[in-house]
Amino acid sequence: MFWFIIFGFASNGQNESVVKVAMRALGFEVKKVDVMTIVKDFDRGGTGKITYEIFKEVVTDRILDRDPKEEVMKAFKLFDDDDSGKISLKNLRRVARELGEDISDEELRAMIDEFDTDGDGEISAAVRDMHGKPEDARARARVRERSANTSSLITYGLW
């Protein structure tokens, strides 16, 4: 898990403040008291730290407890910064720019076309209720083949 590398998790573990930053970076709303409880409950060596393996267990359990529909809506709202209920080309350009991705408008339009259910050139909030059909999976694969730069957008939550 790259967060341990980014936040400098040493083999001997990491303290509460770094665990809190890492968990927030992964999208968890945690308070200091929550992190203190996690460290206390999982600190097997009495060091006041938890290791990468323990952190991974805690995060995995929390990820599995997430509601997928709620997570999709959270991601949708990150893109829909103008609260229009849709993700436009302008919204995707902003996200790509914020992530430092150099993605052409053609590639961004292809991403929109994949999920544009009503043909208006934007992704509507209703897309969150779509179920992955085989043809949807093939369309996603074609878009990914055309764009080697979608990794940050995938991480950001669109794919």
N, C-alpha and C. Protein backbone atom coordinates (compact mmCIF):
# COMPACT_ATOMS: atom_id res chain seq x y z
N MET A 1 0.86 -1.17 0.00
CA MET A 1 0.00 0.00 0.00
C MET A 1 0.90 1.23 0.00
N PHE A 2 0.72 2.07 -1.01
CA PHE A 2 1.64 3.19 -1.21
C PHE A 2 1.55 4.25 -0.13
N TRP A 3 0.46 4.30 0.65
CA TRP A 3 0.36 5.33 1.70
C TRP A 3 1.44 5.13 2.76
N PHE A 4 1.83 3.88 2.98
CA PHE A 4 2.88 3.65 3.96
C PHE A 4 4.21 4.19 3.48
N ILE A 5 4.43 4.11 2.19
CA ILE A 5 5.65 4.68 1.63
C ILE A 5 5.60 6.20 1.72
N ILE A 6 4.47 6.78 1.29
CA ILE A 6 4.31 8.23 1.31
C ILE A 6 4.44 8.79 2.71
N PHE A 7 3.81 8.14 3.67
CA PHE A 7 3.81 8.67 5.03
C PHE A 7 4.94 8.11 5.88
N GLY A 8 5.84 7.37 5.25
CA GLY A 8 7.05 6.94 5.94
C GLY A 8 6.84 5.90 7.01
N PHE A 9 5.94 4.98 6.80
CA PHE A 9 5.74 3.93 7.78
C PHE A 9 6.97 3.05 7.81
N ALA A 10 7.61 3.06 8.92
CA ALA A 10 8.81 2.25 9.10
C ALA A 10 8.40 0.83 9.47
N SER A 11 9.34 -0.07 9.42
CA SER A 11 9.04 -1.47 9.74
C SER A 11 8.62 -1.62 11.20
N ASN A 12 9.00 -0.65 12.04
CA ASN A 12 8.61 -0.73 13.44
C ASN A 12 7.28 -0.03 13.72
N GLY A 13 6.58 0.42 12.66
CA GLY A 13 5.26 0.99 12.83
C GLY A 13 5.24 2.50 12.79
N GLN A 14 4.05 3.03 13.03
CA GLN A 14 3.86 4.48 12.97
C GLN A 14 2.90 4.92 14.06
N ASN A 15 3.03 6.17 14.47
CA ASN A 15 2.23 6.67 15.57
C ASN A 15 0.86 7.18 15.11
N GLU A 16 0.07 7.64 16.07
CA GLU A 16 -1.31 8.04 15.83
C GLU A 16 -1.45 9.15 14.80
N SER A 17 -0.59 10.15 14.84
CA SER A 17 -0.77 11.28 13.93
C SER A 17 -0.58 10.87 12.48
N VAL A 18 0.38 10.01 12.20
CA VAL A 18 0.60 9.56 10.83
C VAL A 18 -0.53 8.62 10.40
N VAL A 19 -0.99 7.77 11.30
CA VAL A 19 -2.10 6.88 10.99
C VAL A 19 -3.34 7.71 10.64
N LYS A 20 -3.59 8.76 11.39
CA LYS A 20 -4.75 9.63 11.12
C LYS A 20 -4.64 10.27 9.75
N VAL A 21 -3.49 10.80 9.40
CA VAL A 21 -3.29 11.43 8.09
C VAL A 21 -3.50 10.41 6.98
N ALA A 22 -2.93 9.22 7.14
CA ALA A 22 -3.07 8.18 6.12
C ALA A 22 -4.52 7.76 5.95
N MET A 23 -5.25 7.62 7.05
CA MET A 23 -6.65 7.21 6.96
C MET A 23 -7.49 8.30 6.32
N ARG A 24 -7.23 9.54 6.66
CA ARG A 24 -7.98 10.63 6.02
C ARG A 24 -7.67 10.71 4.53
N ALA A 25 -6.42 10.48 4.17
CA ALA A 25 -6.04 10.49 2.75
C ALA A 25 -6.76 9.38 1.99
N LEU A 26 -7.13 8.32 2.68
CA LEU A 26 -7.86 7.23 2.06
C LEU A 26 -9.37 7.44 2.11
N GLY A 27 -9.79 8.60 2.60
CA GLY A 27 -11.21 8.94 2.57
C GLY A 27 -11.99 8.61 3.82
N PHE A 28 -11.32 8.27 4.89
CA PHE A 28 -12.02 7.96 6.13
C PHE A 28 -12.13 9.20 7.00
N GLU A 29 -13.32 9.41 7.52
CA GLU A 29 -13.55 10.51 8.46
C GLU A 29 -13.20 9.99 9.85
N VAL A 30 -11.99 10.24 10.30
CA VAL A 30 -11.57 9.74 11.61
C VAL A 30 -11.16 10.91 12.50
N LYS A 31 -11.48 10.76 13.77
CA LYS A 31 -11.08 11.76 14.76
C LYS A 31 -9.89 11.20 15.53
N LYS A 32 -9.24 12.08 16.24
CA LYS A 32 -8.08 11.67 17.01
C LYS A 32 -8.41 10.53 17.97
N VAL A 33 -9.56 10.60 18.61
CA VAL A 33 -9.95 9.57 19.57
C VAL A 33 -10.13 8.22 18.87
N ASP A 34 -10.64 8.23 17.61
CA ASP A 34 -10.79 6.99 16.84
C ASP A 34 -9.43 6.35 16.58
N VAL A 35 -8.49 7.18 16.16
CA VAL A 35 -7.15 6.68 15.85
C VAL A 35 -6.45 6.19 17.12
N MET A 36 -6.64 6.92 18.22
CA MET A 36 -6.04 6.49 19.48
C MET A 36 -6.56 5.10 19.87
N THR A 37 -7.86 4.88 19.66
CA THR A 37 -8.46 3.58 19.97
C THR A 37 -7.89 2.49 19.07
N ILE A 38 -7.75 2.80 17.78
CA ILE A 38 -7.19 1.82 16.85
C ILE A 38 -5.78 1.44 17.27
N VAL A 39 -4.95 2.44 17.54
CA VAL A 39 -3.56 2.17 17.92
C VAL A 39 -3.53 1.38 19.23
N LYS A 40 -4.35 1.79 20.20
CA LYS A 40 -4.37 1.09 21.49
C LYS A 40 -4.81 -0.37 21.31
N ASP A 41 -5.86 -0.58 20.52
CA ASP A 41 -6.40 -1.93 20.33
C ASP A 41 -5.48 -2.84 19.53
N PHE A 42 -4.69 -2.29 18.63
CA PHE A 42 -3.88 -3.11 17.73
C PHE A 42 -2.39 -3.03 17.97
N ASP A 43 -1.98 -2.27 18.95
CA ASP A 43 -0.55 -2.15 19.29
C ASP A 43 -0.12 -3.39 20.06
N ARG A 44 0.39 -4.35 19.32
CA ARG A 44 0.73 -5.65 19.93
C ARG A 44 2.03 -5.61 20.71
N GLY A 45 2.86 -4.62 20.45
CA GLY A 45 4.15 -4.58 21.14
C GLY A 45 4.23 -3.54 22.23
N GLY A 46 3.14 -2.82 22.49
CA GLY A 46 3.14 -1.80 23.53
C GLY A 46 4.01 -0.59 23.19
N THR A 47 4.20 -0.33 21.89
CA THR A 47 5.07 0.76 21.45
C THR A 47 4.34 2.06 21.18
N GLY A 48 2.99 2.01 21.16
CA GLY A 48 2.22 3.21 20.80
C GLY A 48 2.18 3.40 19.29
N LYS A 49 2.51 2.35 18.54
CA LYS A 49 2.54 2.41 17.08
C LYS A 49 1.85 1.16 16.52
N ILE A 50 1.44 1.28 15.24
CA ILE A 50 0.96 0.09 14.56
C ILE A 50 1.77 -0.11 13.28
N THR A 51 1.88 -1.36 12.89
CA THR A 51 2.67 -1.69 11.70
C THR A 51 1.81 -1.58 10.45
N TYR A 52 2.48 -1.67 9.32
CA TYR A 52 1.80 -1.65 8.04
C TYR A 52 0.76 -2.77 7.96
N GLU A 53 1.13 -3.96 8.37
CA GLU A 53 0.21 -5.11 8.29
C GLU A 53 -1.06 -4.85 9.10
N ILE A 54 -0.91 -4.30 10.28
CA ILE A 54 -2.08 -4.00 11.11
C ILE A 54 -2.90 -2.89 10.49
N PHE A 55 -2.23 -1.85 10.01
CA PHE A 55 -2.92 -0.76 9.33
C PHE A 55 -3.73 -1.31 8.15
N LYS A 56 -3.13 -2.20 7.40
CA LYS A 56 -3.80 -2.78 6.24
C LYS A 56 -5.05 -3.55 6.68
N GLU A 57 -4.97 -4.29 7.77
CA GLU A 57 -6.13 -5.01 8.29
C GLU A 57 -7.25 -4.05 8.67
N VAL A 58 -6.90 -3.00 9.40
CA VAL A 58 -7.89 -2.02 9.85
C VAL A 58 -8.56 -1.35 8.65
N VAL A 59 -7.74 -0.91 7.70
CA VAL A 59 -8.28 -0.21 6.52
C VAL A 59 -9.12 -1.15 5.68
N THR A 60 -8.68 -2.38 5.50
CA THR A 60 -9.44 -3.35 4.71
C THR A 60 -10.81 -3.58 5.33
N ASP A 61 -10.87 -3.76 6.63
CA ASP A 61 -12.16 -3.94 7.31
C ASP A 61 -13.06 -2.74 7.08
N ARG A 62 -12.52 -1.55 7.18
CA ARG A 62 -13.32 -0.35 7.01
C ARG A 62 -13.78 -0.18 5.56
N ILE A 63 -12.93 -0.53 4.62
CA ILE A 63 -13.31 -0.45 3.20
C ILE A 63 -14.46 -1.41 2.93
N LEU A 64 -14.38 -2.62 3.47
CA LEU A 64 -15.44 -3.60 3.25
C LEU A 64 -16.76 -3.18 3.89
N ASP A 65 -16.70 -2.33 4.90
CA ASP A 65 -17.92 -1.84 5.56
C ASP A 65 -18.57 -0.68 4.81
N ARG A 66 -17.89 -0.12 3.82
CA ARG A 66 -18.44 1.01 3.09
C ARG A 66 -19.61 0.59 2.22
N ASP A 67 -20.55 1.52 2.05
CA ASP A 67 -21.69 1.32 1.16
C ASP A 67 -21.27 1.75 -0.24
N PRO A 68 -21.22 0.81 -1.20
CA PRO A 68 -20.74 1.15 -2.54
C PRO A 68 -21.50 2.30 -3.20
N LYS A 69 -22.81 2.35 -3.04
CA LYS A 69 -23.60 3.44 -3.65
C LYS A 69 -23.21 4.79 -3.04
N GLU A 70 -23.01 4.79 -1.74
CA GLU A 70 -22.60 6.03 -1.06
C GLU A 70 -21.22 6.47 -1.53
N GLU A 71 -20.32 5.52 -1.71
CA GLU A 71 -18.97 5.83 -2.19
C GLU A 71 -18.99 6.41 -3.60
N VAL A 72 -19.85 5.85 -4.46
CA VAL A 72 -19.97 6.36 -5.82
C VAL A 72 -20.50 7.80 -5.78
N MET A 73 -21.48 8.06 -4.93
CA MET A 73 -22.01 9.43 -4.85
C MET A 73 -20.97 10.41 -4.31
N LYS A 74 -20.16 9.98 -3.36
CA LYS A 74 -19.09 10.85 -2.87
C LYS A 74 -18.12 11.19 -4.00
N ALA A 75 -17.75 10.18 -4.77
CA ALA A 75 -16.84 10.40 -5.89
C ALA A 75 -17.49 11.31 -6.93
N PHE A 76 -18.77 11.07 -7.21
CA PHE A 76 -19.49 11.90 -8.18
C PHE A 76 -19.45 13.37 -7.75
N LYS A 77 -19.69 13.61 -6.48
CA LYS A 77 -19.70 14.99 -5.98
C LYS A 77 -18.34 15.66 -6.07
N LEU A 78 -17.27 14.89 -6.00
CA LEU A 78 -15.93 15.46 -6.18
C LEU A 78 -15.75 16.01 -7.58
N PHE A 79 -16.36 15.35 -8.56
CA PHE A 79 -16.28 15.81 -9.94
C PHE A 79 -17.27 16.95 -10.19
N ASP A 80 -18.46 16.84 -9.63
CA ASP A 80 -19.55 17.80 -9.86
C ASP A 80 -19.40 19.00 -8.93
N ASP A 81 -18.34 19.78 -9.15
CA ASP A 81 -18.06 20.90 -8.25
C ASP A 81 -19.01 22.07 -8.42
N ASP A 82 -19.78 22.10 -9.52
CA ASP A 82 -20.74 23.18 -9.72
C ASP A 82 -22.15 22.77 -9.29
N ASP A 83 -22.28 21.61 -8.67
CA ASP A 83 -23.56 21.09 -8.15
C ASP A 83 -24.67 21.08 -9.20
N SER A 84 -24.31 20.77 -10.43
CA SER A 84 -25.30 20.71 -11.51
C SER A 84 -26.01 19.37 -11.56
N GLY A 85 -25.49 18.38 -10.84
CA GLY A 85 -26.04 17.05 -10.92
C GLY A 85 -25.50 16.28 -12.10
N LYS A 86 -24.51 16.87 -12.77
CA LYS A 86 -23.90 16.24 -13.94
C LYS A 86 -22.40 16.48 -13.92
N ILE A 87 -21.68 15.60 -14.61
CA ILE A 87 -20.24 15.78 -14.78
C ILE A 87 -20.02 16.18 -16.24
N SER A 88 -19.50 17.37 -16.43
CA SER A 88 -19.29 17.91 -17.77
C SER A 88 -17.83 17.76 -18.18
N LEU A 89 -17.56 18.10 -19.42
CA LEU A 89 -16.19 18.12 -19.91
C LEU A 89 -15.36 19.08 -19.07
N LYS A 90 -15.94 20.21 -18.73
CA LYS A 90 -15.25 21.21 -17.88
C LYS A 90 -14.87 20.59 -16.53
N ASN A 91 -15.80 19.84 -15.93
CA ASN A 91 -15.53 19.19 -14.65
C ASN A 91 -14.37 18.19 -14.78
N LEU A 92 -14.39 17.38 -15.83
CA LEU A 92 -13.32 16.40 -16.02
C LEU A 92 -11.98 17.08 -16.28
N ARG A 93 -12.00 18.17 -17.06
CA ARG A 93 -10.75 18.92 -17.30
C ARG A 93 -10.15 19.39 -15.98
N ARG A 94 -11.00 19.93 -15.11
CA ARG A 94 -10.54 20.43 -13.82
C ARG A 94 -9.89 19.32 -13.01
N VAL A 95 -10.55 18.18 -12.93
CA VAL A 95 -10.02 17.06 -12.15
C VAL A 95 -8.69 16.59 -12.74
N ALA A 96 -8.64 16.45 -14.06
CA ALA A 96 -7.39 16.02 -14.70
C ALA A 96 -6.27 17.01 -14.40
N ARG A 97 -6.58 18.29 -14.48
CA ARG A 97 -5.57 19.33 -14.20
C ARG A 97 -5.12 19.26 -12.74
N GLU A 98 -6.07 19.11 -11.81
CA GLU A 98 -5.73 19.03 -10.39
C GLU A 98 -4.85 17.82 -10.09
N LEU A 99 -5.04 16.75 -10.86
CA LEU A 99 -4.26 15.54 -10.65
C LEU A 99 -2.96 15.53 -11.44
N GLY A 100 -2.74 16.60 -12.22
CA GLY A 100 -1.52 16.69 -13.00
C GLY A 100 -1.50 15.77 -14.20
N GLU A 101 -2.67 15.38 -14.66
CA GLU A 101 -2.77 14.47 -15.81
C GLU A 101 -2.90 15.29 -17.09
N ASP A 102 -2.20 14.85 -18.13
CA ASP A 102 -2.28 15.47 -19.44
C ASP A 102 -3.17 14.60 -20.32
N ILE A 103 -4.48 14.85 -20.24
CA ILE A 103 -5.45 14.04 -20.97
C ILE A 103 -6.16 14.95 -21.97
N SER A 104 -6.20 14.53 -23.22
CA SER A 104 -6.81 15.34 -24.27
C SER A 104 -8.32 15.41 -24.09
N ASP A 105 -8.92 16.45 -24.68
CA ASP A 105 -10.38 16.57 -24.64
C ASP A 105 -11.04 15.36 -25.29
N GLU A 106 -10.41 14.81 -26.32
CA GLU A 106 -10.95 13.63 -26.99
C GLU A 106 -11.05 12.47 -26.01
N GLU A 107 -10.01 12.25 -25.22
CA GLU A 107 -10.02 11.18 -24.23
C GLU A 107 -11.05 11.45 -23.14
N LEU A 108 -11.16 12.71 -22.71
CA LEU A 108 -12.14 13.06 -21.69
C LEU A 108 -13.56 12.87 -22.22
N ARG A 109 -13.79 13.26 -23.49
CA ARG A 109 -15.12 13.05 -24.09
C ARG A 109 -15.45 11.56 -24.18
N ALA A 110 -14.43 10.74 -24.48
CA ALA A 110 -14.65 9.29 -24.55
C ALA A 110 -15.09 8.77 -23.18
N MET A 111 -14.50 9.31 -22.11
CA MET A 111 -14.90 8.91 -20.75
C MET A 111 -16.35 9.30 -20.50
N ILE A 112 -16.71 10.50 -20.93
CA ILE A 112 -18.09 10.95 -20.75
C ILE A 112 -19.04 10.09 -21.57
N ASP A 113 -18.69 9.85 -22.83
CA ASP A 113 -19.55 9.06 -23.70
C ASP A 113 -19.86 7.68 -23.13
N GLU A 114 -18.89 7.13 -22.42
CA GLU A 114 -19.08 5.80 -21.84
C GLU A 114 -20.23 5.76 -20.84
N PHE A 115 -20.45 6.86 -20.11
CA PHE A 115 -21.46 6.88 -19.06
C PHE A 115 -22.62 7.85 -19.33
N ASP A 116 -22.64 8.47 -20.51
CA ASP A 116 -23.69 9.43 -20.86
C ASP A 116 -24.95 8.65 -21.23
N THR A 117 -25.87 8.54 -20.29
CA THR A 117 -27.05 7.71 -20.49
C THR A 117 -28.17 8.41 -21.25
N ASP A 118 -28.15 9.75 -21.30
CA ASP A 118 -29.24 10.45 -21.97
C ASP A 118 -28.80 11.23 -23.21
N GLY A 119 -27.54 11.10 -23.61
CA GLY A 119 -27.06 11.70 -24.84
C GLY A 119 -26.86 13.20 -24.81
N ASP A 120 -26.75 13.79 -23.61
CA ASP A 120 -26.58 15.24 -23.53
C ASP A 120 -25.12 15.68 -23.43
N GLY A 121 -24.19 14.73 -23.53
CA GLY A 121 -22.77 15.07 -23.48
C GLY A 121 -22.24 15.24 -22.07
N GLU A 122 -23.01 14.83 -21.07
CA GLU A 122 -22.58 14.90 -19.68
C GLU A 122 -22.99 13.62 -18.96
N ILE A 123 -22.36 13.38 -17.83
CA ILE A 123 -22.70 12.20 -17.03
C ILE A 123 -23.67 12.66 -15.96
N SER A 124 -24.85 12.05 -15.94
CA SER A 124 -25.85 12.46 -14.96
C SER A 124 -25.67 11.69 -13.67
N ALA A 125 -26.24 12.21 -12.61
CA ALA A 125 -26.15 11.55 -11.30
C ALA A 125 -26.82 10.18 -11.34
N ALA A 126 -27.71 9.94 -12.28
CA ALA A 126 -28.39 8.64 -12.38
C ALA A 126 -27.41 7.53 -12.71
N VAL A 127 -26.24 7.86 -13.24
CA VAL A 127 -25.26 6.83 -13.59
C VAL A 127 -24.84 6.02 -12.36
N ARG A 128 -25.00 6.58 -11.20
CA ARG A 128 -24.59 5.89 -9.98
C ARG A 128 -25.41 4.62 -9.76
N ASP A 129 -26.59 4.55 -10.38
CA ASP A 129 -27.43 3.38 -10.20
C ASP A 129 -27.24 2.33 -11.29
N MET A 130 -26.32 2.60 -12.24
CA MET A 130 -26.09 1.64 -13.31
C MET A 130 -25.43 0.38 -12.75
N HIS A 131 -25.84 -0.73 -13.29
CA HIS A 131 -25.20 -1.99 -12.94
C HIS A 131 -24.29 -2.37 -14.10
N GLY A 132 -23.13 -2.90 -13.78
CA GLY A 132 -22.16 -3.24 -14.81
C GLY A 132 -22.62 -4.40 -15.68
N LYS A 133 -23.03 -4.09 -16.91
CA LYS A 133 -23.39 -5.12 -17.87
C LYS A 133 -22.14 -5.46 -18.68
N PRO A 134 -22.11 -6.64 -19.30
CA PRO A 134 -20.92 -7.01 -20.08
C PRO A 134 -20.53 -5.97 -21.11
N GLU A 135 -21.52 -5.37 -21.81
CA GLU A 135 -21.17 -4.37 -22.81
C GLU A 135 -20.55 -3.12 -22.17
N ASP A 136 -20.96 -2.80 -20.93
CA ASP A 136 -20.35 -1.68 -20.22
C ASP A 136 -18.88 -1.98 -19.93
N ALA A 137 -18.59 -3.21 -19.55
CA ALA A 137 -17.21 -3.60 -19.25
C ALA A 137 -16.35 -3.50 -20.52
N ARG A 138 -16.90 -3.94 -21.66
CA ARG A 138 -16.15 -3.85 -22.91
C ARG A 138 -15.90 -2.38 -23.28
N ALA A 139 -16.90 -1.52 -23.08
CA ALA A 139 -16.73 -0.10 -23.40
C ALA A 139 -15.66 0.52 -22.50
N ARG A 140 -15.67 0.17 -21.21
CA ARG A 140 -14.65 0.70 -20.30
C ARG A 140 -13.25 0.24 -20.73
N ALA A 141 -13.15 -1.01 -21.16
CA ALA A 141 -11.85 -1.53 -21.60
C ALA A 141 -11.36 -0.77 -22.83
N ARG A 142 -12.26 -0.46 -23.77
CA ARG A 142 -11.85 0.29 -24.97
C ARG A 142 -11.36 1.68 -24.60
N VAL A 143 -12.06 2.34 -23.68
CA VAL A 143 -11.64 3.69 -23.28
C VAL A 143 -10.29 3.64 -22.60
N ARG A 144 -10.08 2.65 -21.74
CA ARG A 144 -8.80 2.53 -21.04
C ARG A 144 -7.67 2.26 -22.02
N GLU A 145 -7.95 1.47 -23.06
CA GLU A 145 -6.92 1.19 -24.06
C GLU A 145 -6.50 2.47 -24.76
N ARG A 146 -7.47 3.37 -25.00
CA ARG A 146 -7.16 4.62 -25.69
C ARG A 146 -6.42 5.60 -24.82
N SER A 147 -6.51 5.46 -23.52
CA SER A 147 -5.90 6.44 -22.64
C SER A 147 -5.02 5.78 -21.60
N ALA A 148 -3.75 6.03 -21.70
CA ALA A 148 -2.81 5.50 -20.71
C ALA A 148 -2.78 6.39 -19.48
N ASN A 149 -3.46 7.53 -19.53
CA ASN A 149 -3.38 8.51 -18.45
C ASN A 149 -4.59 8.51 -17.53
N THR A 150 -5.36 7.45 -17.52
CA THR A 150 -6.56 7.45 -16.69
C THR A 150 -6.31 7.01 -15.26
N SER A 151 -5.09 6.61 -14.93
CA SER A 151 -4.85 6.03 -13.60
C SER A 151 -5.24 6.96 -12.47
N SER A 152 -4.94 8.24 -12.58
CA SER A 152 -5.30 9.16 -11.50
C SER A 152 -6.80 9.36 -11.43
N LEU A 153 -7.46 9.36 -12.58
CA LEU A 153 -8.91 9.50 -12.57
C LEU A 153 -9.55 8.26 -11.97
N ILE A 154 -8.96 7.10 -12.21
CA ILE A 154 -9.45 5.88 -11.59
C ILE A 154 -9.32 6.00 -10.08
N THR A 155 -8.16 6.43 -9.63
CA THR A 155 -7.92 6.61 -8.21
C THR A 155 -8.89 7.63 -7.63
N TYR A 156 -9.19 8.68 -8.38
CA TYR A 156 -10.05 9.74 -7.92
C TYR A 156 -11.51 9.28 -7.81
N GLY A 157 -11.83 8.18 -8.50
CA GLY A 157 -13.15 7.61 -8.27
C GLY A 157 -14.05 7.50 -9.47
N LEU A 158 -13.64 7.90 -10.65
CA LEU A 158 -14.55 7.83 -11.79
C LEU A 158 -14.71 6.40 -12.27
N TRP A 159 -13.64 5.64 -12.29
CA TRP A 159 -13.73 4.26 -12.81
C TRP A 159 -13.83 3.30 -11.66
